[in-house]
Amino acid sequence: MKQKVVIKVAMNGNKSRSKVLKIAVGAPGVQSAGFTGKELDQLEVVGEGIDAAVLTSLLRKTVGPADLISVGSAEKKEEKKIEVFPAASNSYPYQFSAPSYPIQYYPVEYTNHTDQCSIM
């Protein structure tokens, strides 16, 4: 029988979010994990034979304060989950490119002056 476990975890940033997901998915019996709640601070784990107390204590040891909110059976009706992860990119938010403007050519006249000294 599938069960759903909801744990509220205090997370500081993206690094702690990835730690939480890594720990949750590594637990035995976990089939899926995701963040829910208004502030995306609740971890929702679905699977078979999940030990909620062990998972909560693991999260407390590695990430920080974690509270077990609910343990129940997973229903077929799923709520809309919101997962927001910023795209990891190595580029800068503002890209620089050379300005595009027309190049103007000016004619240069060369005259042969023979009255001047050739050294100068």
Protein backbone atom coordinates (compact mmCIF):
# COMPACT_ATOMS: atom_id res chain seq x y z
CA MET A 1 0.00 0.00 0.00
CA LYS A 2 1.37 3.39 -0.99
CA GLN A 3 1.73 5.98 1.70
CA LYS A 4 2.30 9.70 1.61
CA VAL A 5 4.55 11.43 4.14
CA VAL A 6 4.70 15.22 4.52
CA ILE A 7 7.66 16.74 6.39
CA LYS A 8 8.21 20.45 6.99
CA VAL A 9 11.91 21.28 6.57
CA ALA A 10 13.68 24.59 7.21
CA MET A 11 15.80 25.24 4.12
CA ASN A 12 18.15 28.14 3.45
CA GLY A 13 18.66 27.93 -0.31
CA ASN A 14 19.04 25.73 -3.35
CA LYS A 15 21.93 23.79 -1.86
CA SER A 16 19.87 22.65 1.11
CA ARG A 17 16.92 21.86 -1.21
CA SER A 18 19.09 19.52 -3.25
CA LYS A 19 20.39 17.89 -0.05
CA VAL A 20 16.83 17.31 1.13
CA LEU A 21 15.79 15.73 -2.18
CA LYS A 22 18.92 13.58 -2.29
CA ILE A 23 18.24 12.24 1.22
CA ALA A 24 14.54 11.67 0.53
CA VAL A 25 15.08 9.80 -2.72
CA GLY A 26 17.85 7.71 -1.15
CA ALA A 27 15.53 6.39 1.58
CA PRO A 28 14.27 2.82 1.06
CA GLY A 29 10.79 2.50 -0.48
CA VAL A 30 10.57 6.05 -1.85
CA GLN A 31 9.04 6.32 -5.33
CA SER A 32 8.68 10.09 -5.68
CA ALA A 33 9.52 13.24 -3.75
CA GLY A 34 8.68 16.90 -4.25
CA PHE A 35 8.14 20.21 -2.51
CA THR A 36 4.66 21.50 -1.68
CA GLY A 37 3.15 24.30 0.37
CA LYS A 38 2.97 28.02 -0.15
CA GLU A 39 6.64 28.61 0.56
CA LEU A 40 7.79 25.25 -0.86
CA ASP A 41 9.06 24.27 2.57
CA GLN A 42 7.18 20.97 2.87
CA LEU A 43 8.65 17.77 1.50
CA GLU A 44 6.07 15.31 0.17
CA VAL A 45 7.33 11.75 -0.21
CA VAL A 46 5.28 8.93 -1.78
CA GLY A 47 6.23 5.26 -1.68
CA GLU A 48 5.78 1.88 -0.05
CA GLY A 49 7.14 1.01 3.38
CA ILE A 50 8.61 4.43 4.15
CA ASP A 51 9.81 4.88 7.73
CA ALA A 52 8.75 8.47 8.39
CA ALA A 53 10.54 8.77 11.74
CA VAL A 54 13.88 7.64 10.31
CA LEU A 55 13.52 9.96 7.32
CA THR A 56 12.70 12.91 9.59
CA SER A 57 15.68 12.24 11.86
CA LEU A 58 18.00 11.98 8.84
CA LEU A 59 16.78 15.35 7.62
CA ARG A 60 17.29 16.86 11.08
CA LYS A 61 20.87 15.60 11.25
CA THR A 62 21.94 16.84 7.82
CA VAL A 63 19.83 19.90 6.97
CA GLY A 64 18.33 21.33 10.15
CA PRO A 65 14.94 21.56 11.84
CA ALA A 66 12.38 19.13 10.38
CA ASP A 67 8.85 18.41 11.61
CA LEU A 68 6.73 15.44 10.62
CA ILE A 69 3.38 16.89 9.50
CA SER A 70 1.36 13.90 8.28
CA VAL A 71 1.54 10.25 7.36
CA GLY A 72 -1.29 8.68 5.38
CA SER A 73 -2.24 6.61 2.40
CA ALA A 74 -1.57 8.06 -1.03
CA GLU A 75 -4.77 8.63 -2.96
CA LYS A 76 -5.16 8.54 -6.71
CA LYS A 77 -6.32 12.15 -6.64
CA GLU A 78 -3.21 14.28 -6.55
CA GLU A 79 -3.11 17.95 -5.79
CA LYS A 80 -1.38 20.35 -8.08
CA LYS A 81 2.30 20.42 -7.11
CA ILE A 82 4.39 23.49 -7.66
CA GLU A 83 8.09 22.92 -8.11
CA VAL A 84 10.22 25.93 -8.85
CA PHE A 85 13.88 25.40 -9.53
CA PRO A 86 15.95 28.11 -11.17
CA ALA A 87 17.65 27.01 -14.33
CA ALA A 88 21.32 26.36 -13.76
CA SER A 89 23.22 28.25 -16.39
CA ASN A 90 26.79 29.33 -16.68
CA SER A 91 26.00 32.48 -18.64
CA TYR A 92 25.56 35.96 -17.32
CA PRO A 93 22.07 37.43 -17.17
CA TYR A 94 23.14 40.28 -19.44
CA GLN A 95 24.97 39.30 -22.57
CA PHE A 96 27.36 41.78 -24.13
CA SER A 97 27.73 42.19 -27.85
CA ALA A 98 29.55 44.77 -29.92
CA PRO A 99 27.34 47.66 -31.00
CA SER A 100 26.15 47.43 -34.55
CA TYR A 101 26.53 50.70 -36.39
CA PRO A 102 27.60 51.40 -39.96
CA ILE A 103 31.30 51.86 -40.60
CA GLN A 104 32.10 55.06 -42.45
CA TYR A 105 35.08 55.31 -44.75
CA TYR A 106 36.75 58.68 -45.35
CA PRO A 107 38.80 59.22 -48.49
CA VAL A 108 42.40 60.17 -47.84
CA GLU A 109 44.31 62.11 -50.43
CA TYR A 110 48.00 61.53 -50.74
CA THR A 111 50.00 64.22 -52.43
CA ASN A 112 53.60 64.00 -53.48
CA HIS A 113 55.49 66.89 -51.94
CA THR A 114 58.94 67.10 -53.42
CA ASP A 115 59.93 70.39 -51.85
CA GLN A 116 60.26 68.92 -48.34
CA CYS A 117 63.27 67.12 -46.95
CA SER A 118 63.13 63.37 -47.28
CA ILE A 119 64.50 62.76 -43.75
CA MET A 120 61.67 64.51 -42.01
